[in-house]
Amino acid sequence: MLYYYAYTGHKVGLDRVKKAAAIIKELEKNGVECRLLVNDFRAGLAARDYGIADSITIETIQDIDAVAQIGNSVIIDSPEDDHGRLEKYCNEFKAVFIFRQEMQDQVRFSEQLLDGVAVDKTYEEANSKEKISRKLFFLNDADYDKVILNNASLFEDKGLELLLGHYFFVKYEDDLAKIFTQLHEPEEYMELIQSSTYVITSSLQTAFEAKTSGTCVYFLNLINQDESQLQYLQFNGIDVVETLDEIDFKKNCIDTSFNQLERIVQDILQKI
């Protein structure tokens, strides 16, 4: 059995779950039984929208061995401090894979480092489909600090539609409805990302998914991403902007292919 732990929550969103869903589905196609572990119950419910029917909720990275048994393999995608637990995992589990969180991350024990873009193949299939004329904004699945509302002047009178996040509060939605021309529910995520002509987002995973779908994508740097991440976006033809006034909605999109899903899956298959 292979367990995949993805760190999630109302402060960080669901980017890691979306990546996990893409990888788990490909692993299962290769005959690998894989179970998703999350540290937030709502993340497990949201994972169903991305094709993962079942998951297990644990508290933190330190609780992986409450589920996984000696001889199992685990994938960990989390920025949490493991408080020495990783060494125990490497000693007890058949294989341990860690997604690189920072460029400077190095192997500490016998774990295997993973990195790269992993996007569900559904988005590749949408690349050739006709798009609907829509300017869609998606910040992230979480906006705990009310980043959108605090930057309301950026979005007003721009003709933008807002895709809500799973962790948005109801009263907050009422305030957002005054800024955007239309609000869309989180359950519409995959359909809207694939079908919109323009997607503006502050989520790295969403930017890559939209680009894979053949959508014109702009990354609005509202959450101050690491400079190396911004350079990686630009390397893959995704423009990084600080304001919406920088966006040219008549610009032709650059068609690039950077989905590394198959390479990541093969790296895992070789070790389990």
Protein backbone atom coordinates (compact mmCIF):
# COMPACT_ATOMS: atom_id res chain seq x y z
CA MET A 1 0.00 0.00 0.00
CA LEU A 2 1.14 3.54 -0.84
CA TYR A 3 -0.05 6.48 1.27
CA TYR A 4 0.04 10.06 0.00
CA TYR A 5 -0.08 12.84 2.63
CA ALA A 6 -1.01 16.31 1.33
CA TYR A 7 -0.93 19.27 3.72
CA THR A 8 -4.08 21.39 3.39
CA GLY A 9 -6.25 23.74 5.39
CA HIS A 10 -8.27 26.94 5.64
CA LYS A 11 -5.08 29.04 5.63
CA VAL A 12 -3.21 27.33 2.79
CA GLY A 13 -5.85 26.02 0.39
CA LEU A 14 -5.99 22.84 -1.69
CA ASP A 15 -3.12 23.11 -4.18
CA ARG A 16 -1.41 20.02 -2.79
CA VAL A 17 -4.63 17.98 -2.95
CA LYS A 18 -5.13 18.86 -6.61
CA LYS A 19 -1.59 17.75 -7.37
CA ALA A 20 -2.07 14.60 -5.30
CA ALA A 21 -5.27 13.71 -7.17
CA ALA A 22 -3.45 13.87 -10.51
CA ILE A 23 -0.63 11.64 -9.28
CA ILE A 24 -2.82 9.14 -7.43
CA LYS A 25 -5.03 8.56 -10.47
CA GLU A 26 -1.98 7.87 -12.63
CA LEU A 27 -0.51 5.52 -10.03
CA GLU A 28 -3.78 3.60 -9.88
CA LYS A 29 -3.74 3.26 -13.66
CA ASN A 30 -0.39 1.53 -13.15
CA GLY A 31 -1.89 -0.91 -10.66
CA VAL A 32 -0.71 0.83 -7.48
CA GLU A 33 -3.17 0.98 -4.58
CA CYS A 34 -2.86 4.46 -3.07
CA ARG A 35 -4.72 6.17 -0.24
CA LEU A 36 -4.86 9.95 0.24
CA LEU A 37 -4.13 11.37 3.69
CA VAL A 38 -5.18 14.95 4.51
CA ASN A 39 -5.08 17.00 7.70
CA ASP A 40 -8.45 18.65 7.14
CA PHE A 41 -11.77 16.86 6.70
CA ARG A 42 -13.08 19.41 4.19
CA ALA A 43 -10.05 18.77 1.99
CA GLY A 44 -11.11 15.14 1.77
CA LEU A 45 -14.57 16.20 0.63
CA ALA A 46 -13.10 18.57 -1.96
CA ALA A 47 -10.85 15.79 -3.27
CA ARG A 48 -13.96 14.01 -4.51
CA ASP A 49 -14.42 16.82 -7.06
CA TYR A 50 -10.96 15.94 -8.41
CA GLY A 51 -11.65 12.22 -8.71
CA ILE A 52 -10.50 10.87 -5.34
CA ALA A 53 -13.46 9.10 -3.76
CA ASP A 54 -11.93 8.28 -0.39
CA SER A 55 -9.37 9.75 2.00
CA ILE A 56 -8.25 9.56 5.62
CA THR A 57 -7.93 12.60 7.89
CA ILE A 58 -4.96 12.80 10.27
CA GLU A 59 -3.75 15.63 12.49
CA THR A 60 -0.24 16.38 11.23
CA ILE A 61 2.77 14.96 9.41
CA GLN A 62 3.70 13.27 12.69
CA ASP A 63 0.63 11.02 12.51
CA ILE A 64 1.32 9.30 9.19
CA ASP A 65 2.47 6.16 10.98
CA ALA A 66 -0.86 5.97 12.79
CA VAL A 67 -2.23 4.80 9.44
CA ALA A 68 0.69 3.54 7.36
CA GLN A 69 2.28 0.29 8.49
CA ILE A 70 5.86 -1.00 8.45
CA GLY A 71 6.70 -2.02 4.88
CA ASN A 72 4.27 0.43 3.25
CA SER A 73 5.48 3.36 1.13
CA VAL A 74 4.58 7.02 1.67
CA ILE A 75 4.58 10.26 -0.31
CA ILE A 76 4.71 13.49 1.71
CA ASP A 77 3.86 16.93 0.34
CA SER A 78 4.02 19.27 3.32
CA PRO A 79 6.02 22.24 4.67
CA GLU A 80 5.48 21.09 8.27
CA ASP A 81 8.29 20.41 10.74
CA ASP A 82 8.36 16.62 11.15
CA HIS A 83 10.04 16.93 14.60
CA GLY A 84 12.37 14.02 13.82
CA ARG A 85 9.62 11.77 12.49
CA LEU A 86 11.07 11.58 8.98
CA GLU A 87 14.04 9.49 10.14
CA LYS A 88 11.63 7.00 11.73
CA TYR A 89 9.60 6.85 8.52
CA CYS A 90 12.71 6.19 6.45
CA ASN A 91 13.67 3.34 8.78
CA GLU A 92 10.24 1.72 8.86
CA PHE A 93 8.69 2.27 5.45
CA LYS A 94 9.71 0.59 2.21
CA ALA A 95 10.09 3.93 0.41
CA VAL A 96 9.60 7.55 1.47
CA PHE A 97 9.08 10.32 -1.11
CA ILE A 98 9.19 14.00 -0.16
CA PHE A 99 8.04 16.81 -2.44
CA ARG A 100 10.57 19.63 -2.44
CA GLN A 101 9.05 22.69 -0.73
CA GLU A 102 12.02 25.06 -1.19
CA MET A 103 14.77 25.11 -3.80
CA GLN A 104 17.39 24.49 -1.12
CA ASP A 105 15.74 21.32 0.26
CA GLN A 106 18.19 18.41 0.43
CA VAL A 107 17.99 14.70 1.27
CA ARG A 108 18.36 14.22 5.04
CA PHE A 109 18.04 10.46 5.42
CA SER A 110 17.07 7.89 2.76
CA GLU A 111 14.03 9.70 1.38
CA GLN A 112 13.59 10.38 -2.33
CA LEU A 113 13.03 14.03 -3.32
CA LEU A 114 10.30 14.77 -5.85
CA ASP A 115 9.66 18.03 -7.70
CA GLY A 116 7.99 19.29 -10.85
CA VAL A 117 4.56 20.21 -12.18
CA ALA A 118 1.87 17.54 -11.91
CA VAL A 119 -1.41 18.37 -13.63
CA ASP A 120 -4.42 16.10 -14.10
CA LYS A 121 -4.56 14.83 -17.69
CA THR A 122 -8.15 16.07 -17.92
CA TYR A 123 -6.69 19.54 -18.43
CA GLU A 124 -4.59 18.34 -21.37
CA GLU A 125 -7.73 16.98 -23.00
CA ALA A 126 -9.36 20.42 -22.70
CA ASN A 127 -6.52 22.13 -24.59
CA SER A 128 -8.15 21.79 -28.00
CA LYS A 129 -11.69 22.59 -26.86
CA GLU A 130 -13.35 25.91 -27.66
CA LYS A 131 -13.26 28.39 -24.76
CA ILE A 132 -16.05 30.54 -23.37
CA SER A 133 -15.43 34.28 -23.35
CA ARG A 134 -14.85 34.82 -19.64
CA LYS A 135 -12.35 36.67 -17.44
CA LEU A 136 -12.13 34.39 -14.43
CA PHE A 137 -10.30 35.23 -11.20
CA PHE A 138 -9.35 32.56 -8.68
CA LEU A 139 -7.19 33.62 -5.77
CA ASN A 140 -6.83 30.30 -4.00
CA ASP A 141 -9.13 27.96 -2.09
CA ALA A 142 -8.42 29.99 1.04
CA ASP A 143 -8.48 33.71 1.79
CA TYR A 144 -8.12 33.70 5.56
CA ASP A 145 -6.60 37.21 5.57
CA LYS A 146 -9.24 38.64 3.20
CA VAL A 147 -6.64 39.49 0.56
CA ILE A 148 -9.31 40.03 -2.13
CA LEU A 149 -11.37 42.43 -0.06
CA ASN A 150 -8.28 44.34 1.06
CA ASN A 151 -7.37 44.80 -2.60
CA ALA A 152 -10.89 45.50 -3.85
CA SER A 153 -9.78 48.46 -5.95
CA LEU A 154 -7.73 46.07 -8.12
CA PHE A 155 -10.83 44.15 -9.20
CA GLU A 156 -13.66 46.68 -9.37
CA ASP A 157 -15.05 47.54 -12.82
CA LYS A 158 -12.76 45.04 -14.59
CA GLY A 159 -15.52 42.69 -15.78
CA LEU A 160 -14.13 39.80 -13.75
CA GLU A 161 -16.01 36.73 -12.56
CA LEU A 162 -14.84 35.18 -9.29
CA LEU A 163 -14.41 31.48 -8.65
CA LEU A 164 -14.88 31.01 -4.92
CA GLY A 165 -12.58 28.86 -2.82
CA HIS A 166 -13.70 25.91 -0.70
CA TYR A 167 -12.69 27.72 2.49
CA PHE A 168 -14.43 31.04 1.82
CA PHE A 169 -16.92 32.17 4.47
CA VAL A 170 -20.57 32.91 3.58
CA LYS A 171 -20.56 36.50 4.85
CA TYR A 172 -17.34 37.11 2.95
CA GLU A 173 -19.06 36.00 -0.24
CA ASP A 174 -21.66 38.73 0.26
CA ASP A 175 -18.91 41.35 0.26
CA LEU A 176 -17.23 39.83 -2.79
CA ALA A 177 -20.47 39.88 -4.77
CA LYS A 178 -20.27 43.69 -4.76
CA ILE A 179 -16.87 43.60 -6.50
CA PHE A 180 -17.24 40.94 -9.22
CA THR A 181 -19.79 40.57 -12.00
CA GLN A 182 -20.56 36.96 -11.06
CA LEU A 183 -19.60 34.43 -8.37
CA HIS A 184 -19.06 30.74 -9.14
CA GLU A 185 -19.17 27.88 -6.64
CA PRO A 186 -16.03 25.85 -5.82
CA GLU A 187 -17.61 22.70 -7.27
CA GLU A 188 -17.35 24.30 -10.72
CA TYR A 189 -13.57 24.59 -10.44
CA MET A 190 -12.37 22.04 -13.00
CA GLU A 191 -14.97 23.00 -15.61
CA LEU A 192 -14.31 26.74 -15.32
CA ILE A 193 -10.51 26.48 -15.34
CA GLN A 194 -10.69 24.39 -18.51
CA SER A 195 -13.28 26.44 -20.38
CA SER A 196 -12.48 30.11 -19.64
CA THR A 197 -10.60 32.21 -22.18
CA TYR A 198 -8.71 34.09 -19.42
CA VAL A 199 -7.75 32.93 -15.96
CA ILE A 200 -6.11 35.23 -13.45
CA THR A 201 -4.95 33.48 -10.29
CA SER A 202 -2.62 33.66 -7.31
CA SER A 203 -2.41 29.86 -7.08
CA LEU A 204 0.60 28.14 -8.62
CA GLN A 205 -1.27 24.87 -9.19
CA THR A 206 -4.21 26.65 -10.83
CA ALA A 207 -1.88 28.62 -13.09
CA PHE A 208 -0.33 25.38 -14.38
CA GLU A 209 -3.72 23.67 -14.76
CA ALA A 210 -5.16 26.58 -16.71
CA LYS A 211 -2.08 26.81 -18.93
CA THR A 212 -2.30 23.09 -19.65
CA SER A 213 -5.92 23.63 -20.71
CA GLY A 214 -4.85 26.15 -23.36
CA THR A 215 -6.19 29.11 -21.43
CA CYS A 216 -4.56 32.57 -21.34
CA VAL A 217 -3.17 32.71 -17.81
CA TYR A 218 -1.88 35.56 -15.68
CA PHE A 219 -0.42 35.07 -12.22
CA LEU A 220 -1.43 37.94 -9.93
CA ASN A 221 1.30 38.12 -7.30
CA LEU A 222 -0.83 39.07 -4.31
CA ILE A 223 0.64 36.58 -1.83
CA ASN A 224 4.32 37.35 -2.54
CA GLN A 225 5.52 34.04 -3.92
CA ASP A 226 9.18 33.04 -3.79
CA GLU A 227 11.18 34.60 -6.63
CA SER A 228 12.25 31.19 -7.95
CA GLN A 229 8.58 30.18 -8.30
CA LEU A 230 7.80 33.38 -10.19
CA GLN A 231 10.70 32.74 -12.56
CA TYR A 232 9.43 29.20 -13.15
CA LEU A 233 5.99 30.55 -14.07
CA GLN A 234 7.50 32.99 -16.54
CA PHE A 235 9.74 30.27 -17.98
CA ASN A 236 6.58 28.35 -18.82
CA GLY A 237 4.89 31.26 -20.56
CA ILE A 238 2.78 32.46 -17.65
CA ASP A 239 2.98 36.22 -17.17
CA VAL A 240 3.38 37.46 -13.59
CA VAL A 241 1.61 40.77 -12.88
CA GLU A 242 1.21 43.02 -9.86
CA THR A 243 -1.99 44.72 -11.06
CA LEU A 244 -4.75 43.88 -13.54
CA ASP A 245 -3.87 46.98 -15.56
CA GLU A 246 -0.79 45.09 -16.78
CA ILE A 247 -2.96 42.47 -18.49
CA ASP A 248 -3.49 42.64 -22.23
CA PHE A 249 -6.77 40.81 -22.83
CA LYS A 250 -6.13 40.84 -26.59
CA LYS A 251 -2.74 39.19 -26.37
CA ASN A 252 -2.22 35.80 -28.01
CA CYS A 253 -1.34 33.02 -25.58
CA ILE A 254 1.95 31.16 -25.72
CA ASP A 255 1.32 27.44 -26.10
CA THR A 256 3.72 25.49 -23.88
CA SER A 257 3.82 21.95 -22.56
CA PHE A 258 5.38 21.37 -19.15
CA ASN A 259 3.27 18.72 -17.42
CA GLN A 260 5.73 16.42 -15.66
CA LEU A 261 3.11 14.07 -14.26
CA GLU A 262 4.33 10.95 -16.07
CA ARG A 263 7.97 11.56 -15.09
CA ILE A 264 7.02 11.98 -11.42
CA VAL A 265 4.89 8.83 -11.48
CA GLN A 266 7.72 6.84 -13.07
CA ASP A 267 10.13 8.09 -10.39
CA ILE A 268 7.74 6.72 -7.78
CA LEU A 269 7.10 3.41 -9.54
CA GLN A 270 10.80 2.66 -9.73
CA LYS A 271 11.17 2.74 -5.94
CA ILE A 272 8.04 1.09 -4.54
